[in-house]
All heavy atoms as atom14 arrays in JSON, in Angstrom:
{
  "sequence": "RQFGRPIIEFEMVQAMLADMAVKCQASRAVVNNCMRLIDA",
  "atom14_mask": [
    [1, 1, 1, 1, 1, 1, 1, 1, 1, 1, 1, 0, 0, 0],
    [1, 1, 1, 1, 1, 1, 1, 1, 1, 0, 0, 0, 0, 0],
    [1, 1, 1, 1, 1, 1, 1, 1, 1, 1, 1, 0, 0, 0],
    [1, 1, 1, 1, 0, 0, 0, 0, 0, 0, 0, 0, 0, 0],
    [1, 1, 1, 1, 1, 1, 1, 1, 1, 1, 1, 0, 0, 0],
    [1, 1, 1, 1, 1, 1, 1, 0, 0, 0, 0, 0, 0, 0],
    [1, 1, 1, 1, 1, 1, 1, 1, 0, 0, 0, 0, 0, 0],
    [1, 1, 1, 1, 1, 1, 1, 1, 0, 0, 0, 0, 0, 0],
    [1, 1, 1, 1, 1, 1, 1, 1, 1, 0, 0, 0, 0, 0],
    [1, 1, 1, 1, 1, 1, 1, 1, 1, 1, 1, 0, 0, 0],
    [1, 1, 1, 1, 1, 1, 1, 1, 1, 0, 0, 0, 0, 0],
    [1, 1, 1, 1, 1, 1, 1, 1, 0, 0, 0, 0, 0, 0],
    [1, 1, 1, 1, 1, 1, 1, 0, 0, 0, 0, 0, 0, 0],
    [1, 1, 1, 1, 1, 1, 1, 1, 1, 0, 0, 0, 0, 0],
    [1, 1, 1, 1, 1, 0, 0, 0, 0, 0, 0, 0, 0, 0],
    [1, 1, 1, 1, 1, 1, 1, 1, 0, 0, 0, 0, 0, 0],
    [1, 1, 1, 1, 1, 1, 1, 1, 0, 0, 0, 0, 0, 0],
    [1, 1, 1, 1, 1, 0, 0, 0, 0, 0, 0, 0, 0, 0],
    [1, 1, 1, 1, 1, 1, 1, 1, 0, 0, 0, 0, 0, 0],
    [1, 1, 1, 1, 1, 1, 1, 1, 0, 0, 0, 0, 0, 0],
    [1, 1, 1, 1, 1, 0, 0, 0, 0, 0, 0, 0, 0, 0],
    [1, 1, 1, 1, 1, 1, 1, 0, 0, 0, 0, 0, 0, 0],
    [1, 1, 1, 1, 1, 1, 1, 1, 1, 0, 0, 0, 0, 0],
    [1, 1, 1, 1, 1, 1, 0, 0, 0, 0, 0, 0, 0, 0],
    [1, 1, 1, 1, 1, 1, 1, 1, 1, 0, 0, 0, 0, 0],
    [1, 1, 1, 1, 1, 0, 0, 0, 0, 0, 0, 0, 0, 0],
    [1, 1, 1, 1, 1, 1, 0, 0, 0, 0, 0, 0, 0, 0],
    [1, 1, 1, 1, 1, 1, 1, 1, 1, 1, 1, 0, 0, 0],
    [1, 1, 1, 1, 1, 0, 0, 0, 0, 0, 0, 0, 0, 0],
    [1, 1, 1, 1, 1, 1, 1, 0, 0, 0, 0, 0, 0, 0],
    [1, 1, 1, 1, 1, 1, 1, 0, 0, 0, 0, 0, 0, 0],
    [1, 1, 1, 1, 1, 1, 1, 1, 0, 0, 0, 0, 0, 0],
    [1, 1, 1, 1, 1, 1, 1, 1, 0, 0, 0, 0, 0, 0],
    [1, 1, 1, 1, 1, 1, 0, 0, 0, 0, 0, 0, 0, 0],
    [1, 1, 1, 1, 1, 1, 1, 1, 0, 0, 0, 0, 0, 0],
    [1, 1, 1, 1, 1, 1, 1, 1, 1, 1, 1, 0, 0, 0],
    [1, 1, 1, 1, 1, 1, 1, 1, 0, 0, 0, 0, 0, 0],
    [1, 1, 1, 1, 1, 1, 1, 1, 0, 0, 0, 0, 0, 0],
    [1, 1, 1, 1, 1, 1, 1, 1, 0, 0, 0, 0, 0, 0],
    [1, 1, 1, 1, 1, 0, 0, 0, 0, 0, 0, 0, 0, 0]
  ],
  "atom14_positions": [
    [[82.92, 128.91, 118.76], [81.47, 128.83, 118.57], [81.03, 129.9, 117.58], [81.49, 131.03, 117.62], [80.76, 129.0, 119.9], [81.11, 127.89, 120.9], [80.37, 128.05, 122.21], [78.94, 127.79, 122.1], [78.38, 126.59, 122.1], [79.12, 125.51, 122.21], [77.07, 126.47, 122.0], [0.0, 0.0, 0.0], [0.0, 0.0, 0.0], [0.0, 0.0, 0.0]],
    [[80.14, 129.49, 116.7], [79.48, 130.4, 115.76], [78.01, 129.98, 115.72], [77.71, 128.78, 115.69], [80.09, 130.29, 114.36], [81.43, 130.97, 114.21], [81.32, 132.48, 114.34], [80.38, 133.09, 113.83], [82.27, 133.08, 115.02], [0.0, 0.0, 0.0], [0.0, 0.0, 0.0], [0.0, 0.0, 0.0], [0.0, 0.0, 0.0], [0.0, 0.0, 0.0]],
    [[77.14, 130.95, 115.68], [75.7, 130.68, 115.6], [75.24, 129.74, 116.71], [74.39, 128.88, 116.51], [75.32, 130.13, 114.22], [75.82, 130.99, 113.09], [76.88, 130.55, 112.3], [75.28, 132.25, 112.84], [77.36, 131.35, 111.27], [75.76, 133.05, 111.82], [76.81, 132.6, 111.02], [0.0, 0.0, 0.0], [0.0, 0.0, 0.0], [0.0, 0.0, 0.0]],
    [[75.87, 129.87, 117.88], [75.44, 129.12, 119.05], [75.95, 127.71, 119.17], [75.49, 126.97, 120.05], [0.0, 0.0, 0.0], [0.0, 0.0, 0.0], [0.0, 0.0, 0.0], [0.0, 0.0, 0.0], [0.0, 0.0, 0.0], [0.0, 0.0, 0.0], [0.0, 0.0, 0.0], [0.0, 0.0, 0.0], [0.0, 0.0, 0.0], [0.0, 0.0, 0.0]],
    [[76.86, 127.32, 118.31], [77.38, 125.94, 118.42], [78.85, 125.9, 118.0], [79.32, 126.77, 117.26], [76.55, 124.96, 117.61], [76.46, 125.26, 116.15], [75.46, 124.33, 115.48], [75.39, 124.64, 114.07], [75.12, 123.77, 113.14], [74.89, 122.51, 113.45], [75.05, 124.13, 111.88], [0.0, 0.0, 0.0], [0.0, 0.0, 0.0], [0.0, 0.0, 0.0]],
    [[79.59, 124.85, 118.43], [81.0, 124.74, 118.05], [81.13, 124.54, 116.54], [80.31, 123.84, 115.93], [81.49, 123.5, 118.78], [80.43, 123.12, 119.75], [79.16, 123.77, 119.32], [0.0, 0.0, 0.0], [0.0, 0.0, 0.0], [0.0, 0.0, 0.0], [0.0, 0.0, 0.0], [0.0, 0.0, 0.0], [0.0, 0.0, 0.0], [0.0, 0.0, 0.0]],
    [[82.14, 125.14, 115.94], [82.28, 125.04, 114.48], [82.6, 123.63, 114.02], [82.4, 123.31, 112.84], [83.3, 126.05, 113.91], [84.73, 125.74, 114.39], [82.87, 127.48, 114.22], [85.81, 126.54, 113.67], [0.0, 0.0, 0.0], [0.0, 0.0, 0.0], [0.0, 0.0, 0.0], [0.0, 0.0, 0.0], [0.0, 0.0, 0.0], [0.0, 0.0, 0.0]],
    [[83.01, 122.75, 114.93], [83.26, 121.36, 114.55], [81.96, 120.65, 114.14], [81.99, 119.62, 113.48], [83.99, 120.58, 115.67], [84.68, 119.32, 115.09], [83.05, 120.23, 116.82], [85.71, 118.7, 115.97], [0.0, 0.0, 0.0], [0.0, 0.0, 0.0], [0.0, 0.0, 0.0], [0.0, 0.0, 0.0], [0.0, 0.0, 0.0], [0.0, 0.0, 0.0]],
    [[80.83, 121.26, 114.47], [79.54, 120.68, 114.08], [79.14, 121.07, 112.66], [78.19, 120.51, 112.12], [78.45, 121.1, 115.07], [78.64, 120.5, 116.45], [77.57, 120.91, 117.43], [76.54, 121.51, 117.02], [77.75, 120.64, 118.64], [0.0, 0.0, 0.0], [0.0, 0.0, 0.0], [0.0, 0.0, 0.0], [0.0, 0.0, 0.0], [0.0, 0.0, 0.0]],
    [[79.85, 122.01, 112.05], [79.52, 122.41, 110.68], [80.15, 121.43, 109.68], [81.33, 121.07, 109.8], [80.01, 123.84, 110.39], [79.31, 124.88, 111.22], [80.02, 125.66, 112.11], [77.94, 125.07, 111.11], [79.38, 126.61, 112.88], [77.28, 126.02, 111.89], [78.01, 126.79, 112.77], [0.0, 0.0, 0.0], [0.0, 0.0, 0.0], [0.0, 0.0, 0.0]],
    [[79.35, 121.0, 108.72], [79.8, 119.95, 107.79], [81.06, 120.31, 107.02], [81.91, 119.46, 106.79], [78.67, 119.58, 106.83], [77.56, 118.82, 107.52], [76.41, 118.48, 106.59], [76.47, 118.8, 105.39], [75.43, 117.88, 107.09], [0.0, 0.0, 0.0], [0.0, 0.0, 0.0], [0.0, 0.0, 0.0], [0.0, 0.0, 0.0], [0.0, 0.0, 0.0]],
    [[81.21, 121.55, 106.59], [82.4, 121.92, 105.82], [83.66, 121.86, 106.7], [84.72, 121.45, 106.23], [82.25, 123.29, 105.17], [81.21, 123.32, 104.05], [81.48, 122.05, 102.78], [82.99, 122.62, 102.05], [0.0, 0.0, 0.0], [0.0, 0.0, 0.0], [0.0, 0.0, 0.0], [0.0, 0.0, 0.0], [0.0, 0.0, 0.0], [0.0, 0.0, 0.0]],
    [[83.53, 122.24, 107.94], [84.67, 122.13, 108.87], [84.96, 120.65, 109.11], [86.13, 120.22, 109.09], [84.39, 122.88, 110.19], [85.5, 122.61, 111.21], [84.25, 124.37, 109.93], [0.0, 0.0, 0.0], [0.0, 0.0, 0.0], [0.0, 0.0, 0.0], [0.0, 0.0, 0.0], [0.0, 0.0, 0.0], [0.0, 0.0, 0.0], [0.0, 0.0, 0.0]],
    [[83.92, 119.86, 109.3], [84.11, 118.42, 109.48], [84.82, 117.8, 108.28], [85.72, 116.97, 108.43], [82.76, 117.73, 109.69], [82.1, 118.04, 111.0], [80.69, 117.49, 111.1], [80.11, 117.03, 110.11], [80.13, 117.53, 112.31], [0.0, 0.0, 0.0], [0.0, 0.0, 0.0], [0.0, 0.0, 0.0], [0.0, 0.0, 0.0], [0.0, 0.0, 0.0]],
    [[84.42, 118.22, 107.08], [85.04, 117.68, 105.86], [86.51, 118.04, 105.79], [87.35, 117.19, 105.45], [84.3, 118.19, 104.62], [0.0, 0.0, 0.0], [0.0, 0.0, 0.0], [0.0, 0.0, 0.0], [0.0, 0.0, 0.0], [0.0, 0.0, 0.0], [0.0, 0.0, 0.0], [0.0, 0.0, 0.0], [0.0, 0.0, 0.0], [0.0, 0.0, 0.0]],
    [[86.85, 119.29, 106.13], [88.27, 119.68, 106.11], [89.06, 118.88, 107.14], [90.15, 118.4, 106.84], [88.43, 121.19, 106.38], [88.19, 122.02, 105.15], [88.9, 123.69, 105.23], [88.34, 124.31, 106.76], [0.0, 0.0, 0.0], [0.0, 0.0, 0.0], [0.0, 0.0, 0.0], [0.0, 0.0, 0.0], [0.0, 0.0, 0.0], [0.0, 0.0, 0.0]],
    [[88.51, 118.73, 108.33], [89.2, 117.97, 109.37], [89.35, 116.5, 108.97], [90.41, 115.89, 109.18], [88.47, 118.09, 110.7], [88.46, 119.49, 111.33], [87.54, 119.51, 112.55], [89.86, 119.96, 111.68], [0.0, 0.0, 0.0], [0.0, 0.0, 0.0], [0.0, 0.0, 0.0], [0.0, 0.0, 0.0], [0.0, 0.0, 0.0], [0.0, 0.0, 0.0]],
    [[88.31, 115.95, 108.36], [88.39, 114.55, 107.91], [89.46, 114.39, 106.83], [90.25, 113.44, 106.87], [87.02, 114.09, 107.39], [0.0, 0.0, 0.0], [0.0, 0.0, 0.0], [0.0, 0.0, 0.0], [0.0, 0.0, 0.0], [0.0, 0.0, 0.0], [0.0, 0.0, 0.0], [0.0, 0.0, 0.0], [0.0, 0.0, 0.0], [0.0, 0.0, 0.0]],
    [[89.5, 115.31, 105.88], [90.54, 115.26, 104.84], [91.93, 115.37, 105.44], [92.86, 114.68, 105.01], [90.33, 116.37, 103.8], [89.17, 116.1, 102.86], [88.68, 114.95, 102.81], [88.75, 117.06, 102.18], [0.0, 0.0, 0.0], [0.0, 0.0, 0.0], [0.0, 0.0, 0.0], [0.0, 0.0, 0.0], [0.0, 0.0, 0.0], [0.0, 0.0, 0.0]],
    [[92.06, 116.21, 106.44], [93.35, 116.36, 107.11], [93.74, 115.04, 107.8], [94.9, 114.61, 107.73], [93.29, 117.51, 108.12], [93.15, 118.88, 107.47], [92.61, 120.17, 108.63], [94.05, 120.33, 109.67], [0.0, 0.0, 0.0], [0.0, 0.0, 0.0], [0.0, 0.0, 0.0], [0.0, 0.0, 0.0], [0.0, 0.0, 0.0], [0.0, 0.0, 0.0]],
    [[92.78, 114.4, 108.45], [93.05, 113.13, 109.12], [93.44, 112.05, 108.13], [94.35, 111.25, 108.38], [91.83, 112.71, 109.94], [0.0, 0.0, 0.0], [0.0, 0.0, 0.0], [0.0, 0.0, 0.0], [0.0, 0.0, 0.0], [0.0, 0.0, 0.0], [0.0, 0.0, 0.0], [0.0, 0.0, 0.0], [0.0, 0.0, 0.0], [0.0, 0.0, 0.0]],
    [[92.76, 112.02, 106.98], [93.1, 111.05, 105.93], [94.54, 111.25, 105.47], [95.31, 110.3, 105.34], [92.12, 111.17, 104.73], [92.63, 110.42, 103.52], [90.74, 110.68, 105.13], [0.0, 0.0, 0.0], [0.0, 0.0, 0.0], [0.0, 0.0, 0.0], [0.0, 0.0, 0.0], [0.0, 0.0, 0.0], [0.0, 0.0, 0.0], [0.0, 0.0, 0.0]],
    [[94.91, 112.5, 105.23], [96.28, 112.8, 104.78], [97.31, 112.39, 105.84], [98.37, 111.86, 105.51], [96.43, 114.29, 104.46], [95.57, 114.79, 103.33], [96.28, 114.72, 102.02], [95.6, 115.45, 100.9], [94.25, 115.08, 100.57], [0.0, 0.0, 0.0], [0.0, 0.0, 0.0], [0.0, 0.0, 0.0], [0.0, 0.0, 0.0], [0.0, 0.0, 0.0]],
    [[96.99, 112.62, 107.11], [97.91, 112.22, 108.19], [98.08, 110.71, 108.23], [99.22, 110.21, 108.31], [97.39, 112.71, 109.54], [97.58, 114.47, 109.82], [0.0, 0.0, 0.0], [0.0, 0.0, 0.0], [0.0, 0.0, 0.0], [0.0, 0.0, 0.0], [0.0, 0.0, 0.0], [0.0, 0.0, 0.0], [0.0, 0.0, 0.0], [0.0, 0.0, 0.0]],
    [[96.98, 109.99, 108.18], [97.07, 108.53, 108.26], [97.77, 107.94, 107.04], [98.61, 107.05, 107.17], [95.66, 107.93, 108.39], [95.04, 108.14, 109.74], [95.78, 107.42, 110.85], [96.24, 106.3, 110.68], [95.93, 108.07, 111.98], [0.0, 0.0, 0.0], [0.0, 0.0, 0.0], [0.0, 0.0, 0.0], [0.0, 0.0, 0.0], [0.0, 0.0, 0.0]],
    [[97.43, 108.42, 105.85], [98.07, 107.91, 104.64], [99.56, 108.24, 104.63], [100.39, 107.39, 104.25], [97.39, 108.51, 103.4], [0.0, 0.0, 0.0], [0.0, 0.0, 0.0], [0.0, 0.0, 0.0], [0.0, 0.0, 0.0], [0.0, 0.0, 0.0], [0.0, 0.0, 0.0], [0.0, 0.0, 0.0], [0.0, 0.0, 0.0], [0.0, 0.0, 0.0]],
    [[99.9, 109.42, 105.08], [101.32, 109.81, 105.13], [102.09, 108.93, 106.1], [103.2, 108.48, 105.8], [101.44, 111.28, 105.52], [100.9, 112.1, 104.52], [0.0, 0.0, 0.0], [0.0, 0.0, 0.0], [0.0, 0.0, 0.0], [0.0, 0.0, 0.0], [0.0, 0.0, 0.0], [0.0, 0.0, 0.0], [0.0, 0.0, 0.0], [0.0, 0.0, 0.0]],
    [[101.52, 108.69, 107.25], [102.17, 107.82, 108.23], [102.39, 106.43, 107.63], [103.45, 105.83, 107.8], [101.31, 107.75, 109.49], [101.97, 107.06, 110.65], [101.16, 107.19, 111.94], [101.34, 108.52, 112.5], [100.39, 109.46, 112.55], [99.18, 109.21, 112.1], [100.63, 110.64, 113.08], [0.0, 0.0, 0.0], [0.0, 0.0, 0.0], [0.0, 0.0, 0.0]],
    [[101.43, 105.94, 106.89], [101.53, 104.6, 106.29], [102.64, 104.54, 105.24], [103.42, 103.58, 105.22], [100.19, 104.19, 105.67], [0.0, 0.0, 0.0], [0.0, 0.0, 0.0], [0.0, 0.0, 0.0], [0.0, 0.0, 0.0], [0.0, 0.0, 0.0], [0.0, 0.0, 0.0], [0.0, 0.0, 0.0], [0.0, 0.0, 0.0], [0.0, 0.0, 0.0]],
    [[102.73, 105.54, 104.36], [103.78, 105.49, 103.32], [105.16, 105.69, 103.93], [106.13, 105.1, 103.47], [103.53, 106.45, 102.14], [102.28, 106.08, 101.37], [103.51, 107.9, 102.55], [0.0, 0.0, 0.0], [0.0, 0.0, 0.0], [0.0, 0.0, 0.0], [0.0, 0.0, 0.0], [0.0, 0.0, 0.0], [0.0, 0.0, 0.0], [0.0, 0.0, 0.0]],
    [[105.25, 106.5, 104.99], [106.55, 106.64, 105.68], [106.94, 105.31, 106.31], [108.09, 104.86, 106.16], [106.5, 107.76, 106.75], [107.72, 107.7, 107.66], [106.42, 109.13, 106.09], [0.0, 0.0, 0.0], [0.0, 0.0, 0.0], [0.0, 0.0, 0.0], [0.0, 0.0, 0.0], [0.0, 0.0, 0.0], [0.0, 0.0, 0.0], [0.0, 0.0, 0.0]],
    [[106.02, 104.67, 107.01], [106.32, 103.39, 107.64], [106.74, 102.35, 106.61], [107.67, 101.57, 106.84], [105.13, 102.88, 108.46], [104.95, 103.67, 109.74], [105.86, 104.34, 110.22], [103.75, 103.62, 110.29], [0.0, 0.0, 0.0], [0.0, 0.0, 0.0], [0.0, 0.0, 0.0], [0.0, 0.0, 0.0], [0.0, 0.0, 0.0], [0.0, 0.0, 0.0]],
    [[106.07, 102.33, 105.46], [106.43, 101.39, 104.41], [107.85, 101.65, 103.91], [108.64, 100.72, 103.75], [105.44, 101.47, 103.25], [105.8, 100.51, 102.16], [105.8, 99.3, 102.35], [106.15, 101.04, 100.99], [0.0, 0.0, 0.0], [0.0, 0.0, 0.0], [0.0, 0.0, 0.0], [0.0, 0.0, 0.0], [0.0, 0.0, 0.0], [0.0, 0.0, 0.0]],
    [[108.18, 102.89, 103.67], [109.52, 103.23, 103.18], [110.57, 102.87, 104.23], [111.64, 102.35, 103.89], [109.6, 104.7, 102.8], [111.1, 105.11, 101.88], [0.0, 0.0, 0.0], [0.0, 0.0, 0.0], [0.0, 0.0, 0.0], [0.0, 0.0, 0.0], [0.0, 0.0, 0.0], [0.0, 0.0, 0.0], [0.0, 0.0, 0.0], [0.0, 0.0, 0.0]],
    [[110.28, 103.1, 105.49], [111.23, 102.75, 106.55], [111.44, 101.23, 106.62], [112.56, 100.77, 106.84], [110.74, 103.28, 107.91], [110.77, 104.78, 108.01], [112.44, 105.44, 107.75], [112.18, 107.14, 108.15], [0.0, 0.0, 0.0], [0.0, 0.0, 0.0], [0.0, 0.0, 0.0], [0.0, 0.0, 0.0], [0.0, 0.0, 0.0], [0.0, 0.0, 0.0]],
    [[110.38, 100.46, 106.39], [110.53, 99.0, 106.36], [111.44, 98.59, 105.2], [112.27, 97.7, 105.34], [109.17, 98.32, 106.23], [108.44, 98.17, 107.56], [107.24, 97.25, 107.46], [106.15, 97.81, 106.67], [105.25, 98.67, 107.12], [105.3, 99.08, 108.37], [104.3, 99.13, 106.35], [0.0, 0.0, 0.0], [0.0, 0.0, 0.0], [0.0, 0.0, 0.0]],
    [[111.29, 99.26, 104.05], [112.17, 98.97, 102.9], [113.62, 99.3, 103.23], [114.53, 98.55, 102.88], [111.71, 99.75, 101.67], [110.38, 99.35, 101.07], [109.95, 100.34, 99.97], [110.45, 97.93, 100.5], [0.0, 0.0, 0.0], [0.0, 0.0, 0.0], [0.0, 0.0, 0.0], [0.0, 0.0, 0.0], [0.0, 0.0, 0.0], [0.0, 0.0, 0.0]],
    [[113.84, 100.42, 103.9], [115.2, 100.8, 104.31], [115.77, 99.76, 105.25], [116.9, 99.29, 105.09], [115.21, 102.2, 104.96], [114.94, 103.27, 103.9], [116.54, 102.46, 105.67], [114.68, 104.66, 104.46], [0.0, 0.0, 0.0], [0.0, 0.0, 0.0], [0.0, 0.0, 0.0], [0.0, 0.0, 0.0], [0.0, 0.0, 0.0], [0.0, 0.0, 0.0]],
    [[114.98, 99.34, 106.24], [115.42, 98.31, 107.19], [115.77, 97.01, 106.49], [116.67, 96.28, 106.92], [114.35, 98.05, 108.26], [114.25, 99.17, 109.27], [115.16, 100.03, 109.32], [113.24, 99.2, 110.02], [0.0, 0.0, 0.0], [0.0, 0.0, 0.0], [0.0, 0.0, 0.0], [0.0, 0.0, 0.0], [0.0, 0.0, 0.0], [0.0, 0.0, 0.0]],
    [[115.06, 96.72, 105.4], [115.31, 95.48, 104.65], [116.49, 95.61, 103.68], [116.83, 94.65, 103.0], [114.05, 95.07, 103.88], [0.0, 0.0, 0.0], [0.0, 0.0, 0.0], [0.0, 0.0, 0.0], [0.0, 0.0, 0.0], [0.0, 0.0, 0.0], [0.0, 0.0, 0.0], [0.0, 0.0, 0.0], [0.0, 0.0, 0.0], [0.0, 0.0, 0.0]]
  ]
}
């Protein structure tokens, strides 16, 4: 908490977390695609 509220409510923190989530999801997708190619 900062300034009386959780920092997850601050837009810049939200933006960093969102970017991190995007990178995780995109990475999982490209790994899964490559694994499908290996299986094939």
